[in-house]
PDB file of N, CA and C in Angstrom:
ATOM      1  N   SER A   1     147.670  58.008  86.947  1.00  0.00           N
ATOM      2  CA  SER A   1     147.400  57.171  88.106  1.00  0.00           C
ATOM      3  C   SER A   1     146.421  57.892  89.021  1.00  0.00           C
ATOM      4  N   PHE A   2     145.654  57.104  89.744  1.00  0.00           N
ATOM      5  CA  PHE A   2     144.647  57.657  90.652  1.00  0.00           C
ATOM      6  C   PHE A   2     145.298  58.117  91.943  1.00  0.00           C
ATOM      7  N   PRO A   3     144.699  59.117  92.621  1.00  0.00           N
ATOM      8  CA  PRO A   3     145.264  59.535  93.912  1.00  0.00           C
ATOM      9  C   PRO A   3     145.157  58.415  94.937  1.00  0.00           C
ATOM     10  N   ARG A   4     146.116  58.391  95.811  1.00  0.00           N
ATOM     11  CA  ARG A   4     146.141  57.370  96.850  1.00  0.00           C
ATOM     12  C   ARG A   4     145.083  57.661  97.899  1.00  0.00           C
ATOM     13  N   GLN A   5     144.464  56.641  98.416  1.00  0.00           N
ATOM     14  CA  GLN A   5     143.486  56.806  99.474  1.00  0.00           C
ATOM     15  C   GLN A   5     144.233  56.914 100.798  1.00  0.00           C
ATOM     16  N   VAL A   6     143.922  57.966 101.533  1.00  0.00           N
ATOM     17  CA  VAL A   6     144.591  58.216 102.805  1.00  0.00           C
ATOM     18  C   VAL A   6     143.578  58.040 103.918  1.00  0.00           C
ATOM     19  N   SER A   7     143.955  57.300 104.932  1.00  0.00           N
ATOM     20  CA  SER A   7     143.072  57.107 106.075  1.00  0.00           C
ATOM     21  C   SER A   7     143.104  58.357 106.943  1.00  0.00           C
ATOM     22  N   ILE A   8     141.941  58.892 107.264  1.00  0.00           N
ATOM     23  CA  ILE A   8     141.873  60.106 108.076  1.00  0.00           C
ATOM     24  C   ILE A   8     142.208  59.799 109.530  1.00  0.00           C
ATOM     25  N   SER A   9     141.746  58.693 110.029  1.00  0.00           N
ATOM     26  CA  SER A   9     142.037  58.338 111.404  1.00  0.00           C
ATOM     27  C   SER A   9     142.352  56.854 111.484  1.00  0.00           C
ATOM     28  N   SER A  10     143.014  56.482 112.541  1.00  0.00           N
ATOM     29  CA  SER A  10     143.359  55.083 112.716  1.00  0.00           C
ATOM     30  C   SER A  10     142.200  54.299 113.330  1.00  0.00           C
ATOM     31  N   GLN A  11     141.160  55.006 113.783  1.00  0.00           N
ATOM     32  CA  GLN A  11     140.016  54.345 114.378  1.00  0.00           C
ATOM     33  C   GLN A  11     139.071  53.862 113.276  1.00  0.00           C
ATOM     34  N   PRO A  12     138.508  52.698 113.420  1.00  0.00           N
ATOM     35  CA  PRO A  12     137.541  52.252 112.408  1.00  0.00           C
ATOM     36  C   PRO A  12     136.267  53.088 112.491  1.00  0.00           C
ATOM     37  N   ALA A  13     135.654  53.309 111.379  1.00  0.00           N
ATOM     38  CA  ALA A  13     134.425  54.093 111.331  1.00  0.00           C
ATOM     39  C   ALA A  13     133.282  53.298 111.943  1.00  0.00           C
ATOM     40  N   ILE A  14     132.413  54.000 112.663  1.00  0.00           N
ATOM     41  CA  ILE A  14     131.236  53.359 113.231  1.00  0.00           C
ATOM     42  C   ILE A  14     130.147  53.414 112.174  1.00  0.00           C
ATOM     43  N   LEU A  15     129.710  52.266 111.757  1.00  0.00           N
ATOM     44  CA  LEU A  15     128.668  52.213 110.745  1.00  0.00           C
ATOM     45  C   LEU A  15     127.323  52.047 111.419  1.00  0.00           C
ATOM     46  N   GLY A  16     126.396  52.895 111.065  1.00  0.00           N
ATOM     47  CA  GLY A  16     125.070  52.812 111.642  1.00  0.00           C
ATOM     48  C   GLY A  16     124.963  53.620 112.916  1.00  0.00           C
ATOM     49  N   PRO A  17     123.748  53.773 113.408  1.00  0.00           N
ATOM     50  CA  PRO A  17     123.538  54.569 114.624  1.00  0.00           C
ATOM     51  C   PRO A  17     124.033  53.831 115.871  1.00  0.00           C
ATOM     52  N   ILE A  18     124.454  54.613 116.846  1.00  0.00           N
ATOM     53  CA  ILE A  18     124.869  54.057 118.129  1.00  0.00           C
ATOM     54  C   ILE A  18     123.602  53.733 118.908  1.00  0.00           C
ATOM     55  N   PRO A  19     123.497  52.554 119.462  1.00  0.00           N
ATOM     56  CA  PRO A  19     122.273  52.204 120.191  1.00  0.00           C
ATOM     57  C   PRO A  19     122.040  53.143 121.373  1.00  0.00           C
ATOM     58  N   PHE A  20     120.788  53.521 121.552  1.00  0.00           N
ATOM     59  CA  PHE A  20     120.423  54.450 122.622  1.00  0.00           C
ATOM     60  C   PHE A  20     120.759  53.885 123.992  1.00  0.00           C
ATOM     61  N   TRP A  21     120.537  52.632 124.199  1.00  0.00           N
ATOM     62  CA  TRP A  21     120.702  52.049 125.526  1.00  0.00           C
ATOM     63  C   TRP A  21     122.161  51.866 125.916  1.00  0.00           C
ATOM     64  N   SER A  22     123.090  52.061 125.001  1.00  0.00           N
ATOM     65  CA  SER A  22     124.495  51.947 125.384  1.00  0.00           C
ATOM     66  C   SER A  22     124.926  53.131 126.261  1.00  0.00           C
ATOM     67  N   ASP A  23     124.299  54.306 126.067  1.00  0.00           N
ATOM     68  CA  ASP A  23     124.598  55.478 126.895  1.00  0.00           C
ATOM     69  C   ASP A  23     123.369  56.391 126.904  1.00  0.00           C
ATOM     70  N   PRO A  24     122.304  56.013 127.631  1.00  0.00           N
ATOM     71  CA  PRO A  24     121.038  56.749 127.522  1.00  0.00           C
ATOM     72  C   PRO A  24     121.094  58.171 128.061  1.00  0.00           C
ATOM     73  N   PHE A  25     121.980  58.474 128.993  1.00  0.00           N
ATOM     74  CA  PHE A  25     122.041  59.825 129.575  1.00  0.00           C
ATOM     75  C   PHE A  25     123.171  60.663 129.006  1.00  0.00           C
ATOM     76  N   GLY A  26     123.906  60.153 128.054  1.00  0.00           N
ATOM     77  CA  GLY A  26     124.981  60.914 127.425  1.00  0.00           C
ATOM     78  C   GLY A  26     126.158  61.170 128.342  1.00  0.00           C
ATOM     79  N   LEU A  27     126.473  60.252 129.225  1.00  0.00           N
ATOM     80  CA  LEU A  27     127.571  60.455 130.166  1.00  0.00           C
ATOM     81  C   LEU A  27     128.926  60.521 129.471  1.00  0.00           C
ATOM     82  N   ALA A  28     129.060  59.830 128.357  1.00  0.00           N
ATOM     83  CA  ALA A  28     130.320  59.903 127.612  1.00  0.00           C
ATOM     84  C   ALA A  28     130.563  61.327 127.116  1.00  0.00           C
ATOM     85  N   GLU A  29     129.513  62.012 126.729  1.00  0.00           N
ATOM     86  CA  GLU A  29     129.645  63.397 126.282  1.00  0.00           C
ATOM     87  C   GLU A  29     129.988  64.320 127.450  1.00  0.00           C
ATOM     88  N   LEU A  30     129.441  64.055 128.620  1.00  0.00           N
ATOM     89  CA  LEU A  30     129.728  64.893 129.783  1.00  0.00           C
ATOM     90  C   LEU A  30     131.181  64.781 130.222  1.00  0.00           C
ATOM     91  N   ARG A  31     131.816  63.680 129.907  1.00  0.00           N
ATOM     92  CA  ARG A  31     133.233  63.527 130.274  1.00  0.00           C
ATOM     93  C   ARG A  31     134.127  64.467 129.474  1.00  0.00           C
ATOM     94  N   THR A  32     133.649  64.980 128.369  1.00  0.00           N
ATOM     95  CA  THR A  32     134.433  65.913 127.556  1.00  0.00           C
ATOM     96  C   THR A  32     134.162  67.369 127.937  1.00  0.00           C
ATOM     97  N   PHE A  33     133.472  67.594 129.038  1.00  0.00           N
ATOM     98  CA  PHE A  33     133.123  68.964 129.441  1.00  0.00           C
ATOM     99  C   PHE A  33     134.359  69.820 129.678  1.00  0.00           C
ATOM    100  N   GLY A  34     135.425  69.222 130.203  1.00  0.00           N
ATOM    101  CA  GLY A  34     136.651  69.991 130.440  1.00  0.00           C
ATOM    102  C   GLY A  34     137.209  70.597 129.175  1.00  0.00           C
ATOM    103  N   LYS A  35     137.149  69.870 128.074  1.00  0.00           N
ATOM    104  CA  LYS A  35     137.637  70.382 126.792  1.00  0.00           C
ATOM    105  C   LYS A  35     136.702  71.438 126.224  1.00  0.00           C
ATOM    106  N   GLN A  36     135.418  71.307 126.493  1.00  0.00           N
ATOM    107  CA  GLN A  36     134.428  72.196 125.900  1.00  0.00           C
ATOM    108  C   GLN A  36     134.082  73.394 126.774  1.00  0.00           C
ATOM    109  N   SER A  37     134.585  73.445 127.992  1.00  0.00           N
ATOM    110  CA  SER A  37     134.153  74.480 128.930  1.00  0.00           C
ATOM    111  C   SER A  37     134.521  75.883 128.463  1.00  0.00           C
ATOM    112  N   ARG A  38     135.699  76.064 127.867  1.00  0.00           N
ATOM    113  CA  ARG A  38     136.070  77.407 127.415  1.00  0.00           C
ATOM    114  C   ARG A  38     135.149  77.889 126.296  1.00  0.00           C
ATOM    115  N   SER A  39     134.873  77.016 125.360  1.00  0.00           N
ATOM    116  CA  SER A  39     133.980  77.403 124.261  1.00  0.00           C
ATOM    117  C   SER A  39     132.578  77.703 124.781  1.00  0.00           C
ATOM    118  N   LEU A  40     132.124  76.905 125.726  1.00  0.00           N
ATOM    119  CA  LEU A  40     130.800  77.123 126.306  1.00  0.00           C
ATOM    120  C   LEU A  40     130.750  78.449 127.064  1.00  0.00           C
ATOM    121  N   LEU A  41     131.787  78.766 127.815  1.00  0.00           N
ATOM    122  CA  LEU A  41     131.813  80.027 128.559  1.00  0.00           C
ATOM    123  C   LEU A  41     131.873  81.231 127.619  1.00  0.00           C
ATOM    124  N   VAL A  42     132.624  81.123 126.541  1.00  0.00           N
ATOM    125  CA  VAL A  42     132.687  82.228 125.570  1.00  0.00           C
ATOM    126  C   VAL A  42     131.323  82.430 124.917  1.00  0.00           C
ATOM    127  N   ALA A  43     130.679  81.337 124.528  1.00  0.00           N
ATOM    128  CA  ALA A  43     129.351  81.442 123.918  1.00  0.00           C
ATOM    129  C   ALA A  43     128.346  82.036 124.896  1.00  0.00           C
ATOM    130  N   LEU A  44     128.406  81.622 126.145  1.00  0.00           N
ATOM    131  CA  LEU A  44     127.508  82.153 127.168  1.00  0.00           C
ATOM    132  C   LEU A  44     127.772  83.636 127.405  1.00  0.00           C
ATOM    133  N   LEU A  45     129.044  84.032 127.443  1.00  0.00           N
ATOM    134  CA  LEU A  45     129.397  85.436 127.630  1.00  0.00           C
ATOM    135  C   LEU A  45     128.905  86.290 126.466  1.00  0.00           C
ATOM    136  N   VAL A  46     129.067  85.807 125.247  1.00  0.00           N
ATOM    137  CA  VAL A  46     128.601  86.554 124.078  1.00  0.00           C
ATOM    138  C   VAL A  46     127.083  86.696 124.110  1.00  0.00           C
ATOM    139  N   MET A  47     126.389  85.608 124.462  1.00  0.00           N
ATOM    140  CA  MET A  47     124.930  85.655 124.506  1.00  0.00           C
ATOM    141  C   MET A  47     124.442  86.634 125.582  1.00  0.00           C
ATOM    142  N   LEU A  48     124.999  86.541 126.788  1.00  0.00           N
ATOM    143  CA  LEU A  48     124.540  87.415 127.872  1.00  0.00           C
ATOM    144  C   LEU A  48     124.892  88.872 127.627  1.00  0.00           C
ATOM    145  N   SER A  49     126.086  89.139 127.069  1.00  0.00           N
ATOM    146  CA  SER A  49     126.434  90.532 126.781  1.00  0.00           C
ATOM    147  C   SER A  49     125.556  91.080 125.662  1.00  0.00           C
ATOM    148  N   GLY A  50     125.220  90.248 124.685  1.00  0.00           N
ATOM    149  CA  GLY A  50     124.305  90.689 123.626  1.00  0.00           C
ATOM    150  C   GLY A  50     122.933  91.014 124.162  1.00  0.00           C
ATOM    151  N   MET A  51     122.431  90.168 125.088  1.00  0.00           N
ATOM    152  CA  MET A  51     121.127  90.443 125.698  1.00  0.00           C
ATOM    153  C   MET A  51     121.165  91.742 126.504  1.00  0.00           C
ATOM    154  N   TYR A  52     122.254  91.960 127.254  1.00  0.00           N
ATOM    155  CA  TYR A  52     122.371  93.167 128.080  1.00  0.00           C
ATOM    156  C   TYR A  52     122.395  94.415 127.202  1.00  0.00           C
ATOM    157  N   PHE A  53     123.261  94.425 126.179  1.00  0.00           N
ATOM    158  CA  PHE A  53     123.364  95.599 125.320  1.00  0.00           C
ATOM    159  C   PHE A  53     122.086  95.819 124.523  1.00  0.00           C
ATOM    160  N   ASN A  54     121.391  94.751 124.150  1.00  0.00           N
ATOM    161  CA  ASN A  54     120.118  94.891 123.461  1.00  0.00           C
ATOM    162  C   ASN A  54     119.112  95.600 124.355  1.00  0.00           C
ATOM    163  N   CYS A  55     119.049  95.219 125.620  1.00  0.00           N
ATOM    164  CA  CYS A  55     118.101  95.861 126.546  1.00  0.00           C
ATOM    165  C   CYS A  55     118.455  97.328 126.774  1.00  0.00           C
ATOM    166  N   VAL A  56     119.739  97.612 126.982  1.00  0.00           N
ATOM    167  CA  VAL A  56     120.165  98.997 127.217  1.00  0.00           C
ATOM    168  C   VAL A  56     119.881  99.857 125.993  1.00  0.00           C
ATOM    169  N   LEU A  57     120.241  99.376 124.823  1.00  0.00           N
ATOM    170  CA  LEU A  57     120.020 100.166 123.615  1.00  0.00           C
ATOM    171  C   LEU A  57     118.543 100.307 123.275  1.00  0.00           C
ATOM    172  N   GLN A  58     117.760  99.282 123.570  1.00  0.00           N
ATOM    173  CA  GLN A  58     116.311  99.383 123.328  1.00  0.00           C
ATOM    174  C   GLN A  58     115.702 100.464 124.219  1.00  0.00           C
ATOM    175  N   ALA A  59     116.114 100.515 125.476  1.00  0.00           N
ATOM    176  CA  ALA A  59     115.618 101.553 126.380  1.00  0.00           C
ATOM    177  C   ALA A  59     116.052 102.940 125.897  1.00  0.00           C
ATOM    178  N   TYR A  60     117.283 103.055 125.425  1.00  0.00           N
ATOM    179  CA  TYR A  60     117.784 104.336 124.915  1.00  0.00           C
ATOM    180  C   TYR A  60     116.991 104.777 123.681  1.00  0.00           C
ATOM    181  N   VAL A  61     116.771 103.854 122.752  1.00  0.00           N
ATOM    182  CA  VAL A  61     116.046 104.193 121.527  1.00  0.00           C
ATOM    183  C   VAL A  61     114.608 104.591 121.855  1.00  0.00           C
ATOM    184  N   GLN A  62     113.977 103.889 122.775  1.00  0.00           N
ATOM    185  CA  GLN A  62     112.609 104.246 123.140  1.00  0.00           C
ATOM    186  C   GLN A  62     112.551 105.621 123.787  1.00  0.00           C
ATOM    187  N   GLN A  63     113.539 105.940 124.608  1.00  0.00           N
ATOM    188  CA  GLN A  63     113.567 107.252 125.256  1.00  0.00           C
ATOM    189  C   GLN A  63     113.776 108.364 124.230  1.00  0.00           C
ATOM    190  N   VAL A  64     114.707 108.157 123.321  1.00  0.00           N
ATOM    191  CA  VAL A  64     114.977 109.164 122.290  1.00  0.00           C
ATOM    192  C   VAL A  64     113.764 109.323 121.375  1.00  0.00           C
ATOM    193  N   ALA A  65     113.156 108.212 120.982  1.00  0.00           N
ATOM    194  CA  ALA A  65     111.991 108.292 120.097  1.00  0.00           C
ATOM    195  C   ALA A  65     110.819 108.965 120.803  1.00  0.00           C
ATOM    196  N   ALA A  66     110.629 108.656 122.083  1.00  0.00           N
ATOM    197  CA  ALA A  66     109.533 109.272 122.827  1.00  0.00           C
ATOM    198  C   ALA A  66     109.740 110.779 122.930  1.00  0.00           C
ATOM    199  N   ASN A  67     110.953 111.216 123.207  1.00  0.00           N
ATOM    200  CA  ASN A  67     111.237 112.657 123.281  1.00  0.00           C
ATOM    201  C   ASN A  67     111.053 113.326 121.921  1.00  0.00           C
ATOM    202  N   PHE A  68     111.442 112.645 120.850  1.00  0.00           N
ATOM    203  CA  PHE A  68     111.298 113.215 119.515  1.00  0.00           C
ATOM    204  C   PHE A  68     109.826 113.440 119.180  1.00  0.00           C
ATOM    205  N   TYR A  69     109.008 112.425 119.389  1.00  0.00           N
ATOM    206  CA  TYR A  69     107.587 112.557 119.047  1.00  0.00           C
ATOM    207  C   TYR A  69     106.888 113.555 119.967  1.00  0.00           C
ATOM    208  N   GLU A  70     107.318 113.611 121.228  1.00  0.00           N
ATOM    209  CA  GLU A  70     106.700 114.577 122.139  1.00  0.00           C
ATOM    210  C   GLU A  70     107.027 116.008 121.701  1.00  0.00           C
ATOM    211  N   GLN A  71     108.260 116.246 121.278  1.00  0.00           N
ATOM    212  CA  GLN A  71     108.634 117.577 120.798  1.00  0.00           C
ATOM    213  C   GLN A  71     107.980 117.887 119.461  1.00  0.00           C
ATOM    214  N   GLU A  72     107.843 116.880 118.619  1.00  0.00           N
ATOM    215  CA  GLU A  72     107.291 117.083 117.281  1.00  0.00           C
ATOM    216  C   GLU A  72     105.785 117.354 117.311  1.00  0.00           C
ATOM    217  N   TYR A  73     105.050 116.580 118.114  1.00  0.00           N
ATOM    218  CA  TYR A  73     103.591 116.678 118.126  1.00  0.00           C
ATOM    219  C   TYR A  73     103.035 117.380 119.357  1.00  0.00           C
ATOM    220  N   GLY A  74     103.860 117.669 120.348  1.00  0.00           N
ATOM    221  CA  GLY A  74     103.417 118.389 121.530  1.00  0.00           C
ATOM    222  C   GLY A  74     102.683 117.545 122.551  1.00  0.00           C
ATOM    223  N   LYS A  75     102.597 116.247 122.329  1.00  0.00           N
ATOM    224  CA  LYS A  75     101.964 115.357 123.297  1.00  0.00           C
ATOM    225  C   LYS A  75     102.684 114.009 123.248  1.00  0.00           C
ATOM    226  N   PRO A  76     102.626 113.266 124.342  1.00  0.00           N
ATOM    227  CA  PRO A  76     103.291 111.959 124.335  1.00  0.00           C
ATOM    228  C   PRO A  76     102.621 111.011 123.351  1.00  0.00           C
ATOM    229  N   VAL A  77     103.437 110.253 122.635  1.00  0.00           N
ATOM    230  CA  VAL A  77     102.938 109.299 121.655  1.00  0.00           C
ATOM    231  C   VAL A  77     103.325 107.903 122.114  1.00  0.00           C
ATOM    232  N   VAL A  78     102.357 106.987 122.096  1.00  0.00           N
ATOM    233  CA  VAL A  78     102.633 105.601 122.446  1.00  0.00           C
ATOM    234  C   VAL A  78     103.055 104.875 121.171  1.00  0.00           C
ATOM    235  N   LEU A  79     104.273 104.340 121.195  1.00  0.00           N
ATOM    236  CA  LEU A  79     104.764 103.632 120.027  1.00  0.00           C
ATOM    237  C   LEU A  79     104.202 102.219 120.012  1.00  0.00           C
ATOM    238  N   LYS A  80     103.718 101.789 118.879  1.00  0.00           N
ATOM    239  CA  LYS A  80     103.109 100.467 118.747  1.00  0.00           C
ATOM    240  C   LYS A  80     104.195  99.400 118.680  1.00  0.00           C
ATOM    241  N   ASP A  81     103.992  98.332 119.425  1.00  0.00           N
ATOM    242  CA  ASP A  81     104.908  97.203 119.436  1.00  0.00           C
ATOM    243  C   ASP A  81     104.116  95.964 119.038  1.00  0.00           C
ATOM    244  N   MET A  82     104.564  95.257 118.007  1.00  0.00           N
ATOM    245  CA  MET A  82     103.816  94.121 117.495  1.00  0.00           C
ATOM    246  C   MET A  82     103.714  92.988 118.509  1.00  0.00           C
ATOM    247  N   LEU A  83     104.717  92.822 119.372  1.00  0.00           N
ATOM    248  CA  LEU A  83     104.657  91.743 120.351  1.00  0.00           C
ATOM    249  C   LEU A  83     103.541  91.956 121.366  1.00  0.00           C
ATOM    250  N   PHE A  84     103.189  93.196 121.636  1.00  0.00           N
ATOM    251  CA  PHE A  84     102.071  93.444 122.541  1.00  0.00           C
ATOM    252  C   PHE A  84     100.760  92.953 121.939  1.00  0.00           C
ATOM    253  N   ASP A  85     100.679  92.952 120.609  1.00  0.00           N
ATOM    254  CA  ASP A  85      99.488  92.430 119.951  1.00  0.00           C
ATOM    255  C   ASP A  85      99.491  90.906 119.903  1.00  0.00           C
ATOM    256  N   LEU A  86     100.678  90.304 119.812  1.00  0.00           N
ATOM    257  CA  LEU A  86     100.773  88.855 119.668  1.00  0.00           C
ATOM    258  C   LEU A  86     100.630  88.111 120.990  1.00  0.00           C
ATOM    259  N   PHE A  87     101.221  88.640 122.060  1.00  0.00           N
ATOM    260  CA  PHE A  87     101.206  87.954 123.349  1.00  0.00           C
ATOM    261  C   PHE A  87     100.094  88.493 124.238  1.00  0.00           C
ATOM    262  N   PRO A  88      99.547  87.648 125.087  1.00  0.00           N
ATOM    263  CA  PRO A  88      98.473  88.116 125.974  1.00  0.00           C
ATOM    264  C   PRO A  88      99.020  89.067 127.046  1.00  0.00           C
ATOM    265  N   TYR A  89      98.133  89.906 127.562  1.00  0.00           N
ATOM    266  CA  TYR A  89      98.515  90.822 128.637  1.00  0.00           C
ATOM    267  C   TYR A  89      98.747  90.041 129.919  1.00  0.00           C
ATOM    268  N   ILE A  90      99.859  90.329 130.594  1.00  0.00           N
ATOM    269  CA  ILE A  90     100.209  89.642 131.834  1.00  0.00           C
ATOM    270  C   ILE A  90     100.329  90.706 132.917  1.00  0.00           C
ATOM    271  N   ASN A  91      99.514  90.605 133.947  1.00  0.00           N
ATOM    272  CA  ASN A  91      99.481  91.611 134.999  1.00  0.00           C
ATOM    273  C   ASN A  91     100.597  91.415 136.017  1.00  0.00           C
ATOM    274  N   ASN A  92     100.929  90.176 136.348  1.00  0.00           N
ATOM    275  CA  ASN A  92     101.933  89.873 137.363  1.00  0.00           C
ATOM    276  C   ASN A  92     103.328  89.951 136.741  1.00  0.00           C
ATOM    277  N   THR A  93     104.199  90.826 137.244  1.00  0.00           N
ATOM    278  CA  THR A  93     105.512  90.998 136.630  1.00  0.00           C
ATOM    279  C   THR A  93     106.413  89.788 136.842  1.00  0.00           C
ATOM    280  N   ALA A  94     106.290  89.089 137.966  1.00  0.00           N
ATOM    281  CA  ALA A  94     107.113  87.895 138.192  1.00  0.00           C
ATOM    282  C   ALA A  94     106.779  86.831 137.151  1.00  0.00           C
ATOM    283  N   PHE A  95     105.505  86.670 136.863  1.00  0.00           N
ATOM    284  CA  PHE A  95     105.100  85.705 135.849  1.00  0.00           C
ATOM    285  C   PHE A  95     105.569  86.150 134.467  1.00  0.00           C
ATOM    286  N   ALA A  96     105.524  87.458 134.217  1.00  0.00           N
ATOM    287  CA  ALA A  96     105.975  87.977 132.923  1.00  0.00           C
ATOM    288  C   ALA A  96     107.466  87.717 132.727  1.00  0.00           C
ATOM    289  N   ASP A  97     108.265  87.907 133.774  1.00  0.00           N
ATOM    290  CA  ASP A  97     109.700  87.626 133.684  1.00  0.00           C
ATOM    291  C   ASP A  97     109.944  86.149 133.394  1.00  0.00           C
ATOM    292  N   THR A  98     109.227  85.278 134.063  1.00  0.00           N
ATOM    293  CA  THR A  98     109.363  83.837 133.819  1.00  0.00           C
ATOM    294  C   THR A  98     108.954  83.505 132.390  1.00  0.00           C
ATOM    295  N   TYR A  99     107.920  84.148 131.902  1.00  0.00           N
ATOM    296  CA  TYR A  99     107.432  83.953 130.538  1.00  0.00           C
ATOM    297  C   TYR A  99     108.519  84.312 129.519  1.00  0.00           C
ATOM    298  N   VAL A 100     109.155  85.458 129.726  1.00  0.00           N
ATOM    299  CA  VAL A 100     110.205  85.908 128.812  1.00  0.00           C
ATOM    300  C   VAL A 100     111.416  84.992 128.900  1.00  0.00           C
ATOM    301  N   TYR A 101     111.833  84.625 130.110  1.00  0.00           N
ATOM    302  CA  TYR A 101     113.001  83.745 130.259  1.00  0.00           C
ATOM    303  C   TYR A 101     112.741  82.394 129.614  1.00  0.00           C
ATOM    304  N   THR A 102     111.514  81.898 129.687  1.00  0.00           N
ATOM    305  CA  THR A 102     111.175  80.624 129.058  1.00  0.00           C
ATOM    306  C   THR A 102     111.273  80.724 127.537  1.00  0.00           C
ATOM    307  N   ILE A 103     110.802  81.837 126.982  1.00  0.00           N
ATOM    308  CA  ILE A 103     110.875  82.029 125.539  1.00  0.00           C
ATOM    309  C   ILE A 103     112.327  82.134 125.091  1.00  0.00           C
ATOM    310  N   VAL A 104     113.135  82.880 125.829  1.00  0.00           N
ATOM    311  CA  VAL A 104     114.545  83.033 125.470  1.00  0.00           C
ATOM    312  C   VAL A 104     115.273  81.706 125.607  1.00  0.00           C
ATOM    313  N   ALA A 105     114.971  80.937 126.645  1.00  0.00           N
ATOM    314  CA  ALA A 105     115.649  79.657 126.854  1.00  0.00           C
ATOM    315  C   ALA A 105     115.248  78.634 125.802  1.00  0.00           C
ATOM    316  N   SER A 106     114.073  78.782 125.212  1.00  0.00           N
ATOM    317  CA  SER A 106     113.635  77.797 124.212  1.00  0.00           C
ATOM    318  C   SER A 106     114.317  78.025 122.869  1.00  0.00           C
ATOM    319  N   TRP A 107     114.980  79.165 122.645  1.00  0.00           N
ATOM    320  CA  TRP A 107     115.681  79.396 121.394  1.00  0.00           C
ATOM    321  C   TRP A 107     116.881  78.549 121.400  1.00  0.00           C
TER     322      TRP A 107
END
């Protein structure tokens, strides 16, 4: 005998796409924010702590590498970074910070 078909939910399945104009701003999704807030906060915390530790460790590695090459060769060595070749030079630091935040936010 064949296995019995079991209904997963008591709600009927929605066939086809939901029309855009029924909820153009996604307000129905915003009503579920209370249920999703913990997951969103955990994801945000993981992302921000990862960014912080990445910056701290990058500064540490650059300092250690700079000291190593200075001791090895007797003069300071500029380490090549590929992103400096890819992105244009930006003189204004406020604009550079906005540039980086925009790139990070677009991921």
